[in-house]
Protein backbone atom coordinates (compact mmCIF):
# COMPACT_ATOMS: atom_id res chain seq x y z
CA MET A 1 0.00 0.00 0.00
CA THR A 2 2.78 2.41 0.91
CA SER A 3 4.55 1.86 -2.41
CA GLN A 4 1.33 2.62 -4.29
CA VAL A 5 0.62 5.79 -2.31
CA ASN A 6 4.23 6.99 -2.68
CA ARG A 7 4.47 6.03 -6.36
CA HIS A 8 6.22 8.65 -8.49
CA CYS A 9 5.61 9.10 -12.20
CA ASP A 10 7.98 11.22 -14.29
CA LEU A 11 5.26 11.88 -16.87
CA HIS A 12 2.39 12.78 -14.53
CA PRO A 13 3.18 14.82 -11.39
CA ASP A 14 -0.47 14.58 -10.29
CA PRO A 15 -1.60 11.04 -9.39
CA PHE A 16 -5.10 11.82 -10.70
CA GLY A 17 -3.61 12.36 -14.15
CA CYS A 18 -1.50 9.20 -14.13
CA PRO A 19 -3.25 6.10 -15.48
CA ASP A 20 -0.90 3.89 -13.46
CA ALA A 21 -1.72 5.51 -10.10
CA LEU A 22 -4.27 3.42 -8.23
CA VAL A 23 -4.39 4.59 -4.62
CA VAL A 24 -4.36 7.98 -2.93
CA PHE A 25 -3.97 8.81 0.77
CA SER A 26 -5.52 11.87 2.42
CA GLN A 27 -3.27 13.04 5.25
CA ARG A 28 -5.97 15.40 6.46
CA PHE A 29 -8.54 12.66 6.97
CA GLN A 30 -6.20 9.66 7.26
CA GLU A 31 -8.18 7.94 4.48
CA TYR A 32 -7.20 5.72 1.58
CA GLY A 33 -9.10 5.70 -1.68
CA LEU A 34 -9.00 4.14 -5.12
CA ILE A 35 -8.55 6.78 -7.81
CA ILE A 36 -11.42 7.03 -10.28
CA HIS A 37 -9.77 8.08 -13.52
CA ASP A 38 -12.56 10.24 -14.90
CA GLY A 39 -10.57 13.42 -15.48
CA GLY A 40 -11.24 14.81 -11.99
CA THR A 41 -10.14 14.05 -8.44
CA ALA A 42 -12.79 11.49 -7.53
CA THR A 43 -11.92 8.54 -5.30
CA SER A 44 -13.74 5.60 -3.81
CA GLY A 45 -12.87 5.18 -0.15
CA ILE A 46 -11.55 1.82 0.97
CA LEU A 47 -11.40 0.22 4.41
CA PHE A 48 -9.15 -2.72 3.55
CA CYS A 49 -5.90 -3.05 1.59
CA PRO A 50 -6.75 -4.37 -1.88
CA TRP A 51 -3.52 -6.43 -1.95
CA CYS A 52 -3.31 -8.11 1.46
CA GLY A 53 -6.77 -7.53 2.94
CA ALA A 54 -5.47 -5.82 6.11
CA ARG A 55 -7.84 -3.35 7.73
CA LEU A 56 -6.73 0.22 7.11
CA PRO A 57 -6.65 2.90 9.85
CA GLU A 58 -9.97 4.44 10.83
CA SER A 59 -10.90 7.61 8.98
CA GLN A 60 -10.59 10.85 10.94
CA ARG A 61 -12.98 12.75 8.65
CA ASP A 62 -15.78 13.13 11.22
CA ARG A 63 -13.29 14.13 13.92
CA TRP A 64 -11.79 16.76 11.56
CA PHE A 65 -15.19 18.37 10.98
CA ASP A 66 -16.00 18.15 14.71
CA GLU A 67 -12.72 19.91 15.56
CA LEU A 68 -13.44 22.75 13.13
CA GLU A 69 -17.02 23.11 14.34
CA ALA A 70 -15.82 23.29 17.97
CA ARG A 71 -13.62 26.23 16.93
CA GLY A 72 -16.45 27.96 15.10
CA ILE A 73 -14.94 27.32 11.66
CA ASP A 74 -17.20 26.48 8.72
CA PRO A 75 -14.94 24.82 6.12
CA SER A 76 -17.33 25.70 3.31
CA GLN A 77 -17.16 29.43 4.11
CA ASP A 78 -14.19 30.19 6.35
CA ASP A 79 -10.45 29.98 5.80
CA ILE A 80 -9.14 26.74 7.24
CA PRO A 81 -6.13 27.18 9.54
CA ALA A 82 -2.91 25.73 8.09
CA LYS A 83 -2.60 23.04 10.74
CA TYR A 84 -5.89 21.52 9.53
CA LEU A 85 -4.73 21.17 5.92
CA ASP A 86 -2.68 18.03 6.59
CA ALA A 87 -2.11 15.60 9.47
CA GLY A 88 -0.75 18.37 11.72
CA TRP A 89 -4.07 18.76 13.52
CA LEU A 90 -3.85 15.15 14.76
CA ARG A 91 -0.62 15.92 16.65
CA SER A 92 -2.00 18.87 18.59
């Protein structure tokens, strides 16, 4: 899984534009997803590794939104603080 997420393509710097890229990892939400190659950035979330079947870490998406709401931040309208743009918010 790690090798797929960290895969580098010299022809396509964006994994969503690379036909060989299969998996993406969201640091912000701690989620894995299969890339849907439809010209956009769509993914289909997965709970288990497609190669070995191991359960993947639990998504932190709900916790992320709860944290922002507790601070009075509406992510659809307000600027999101930098620490919430990646996994930094999980360490604080």
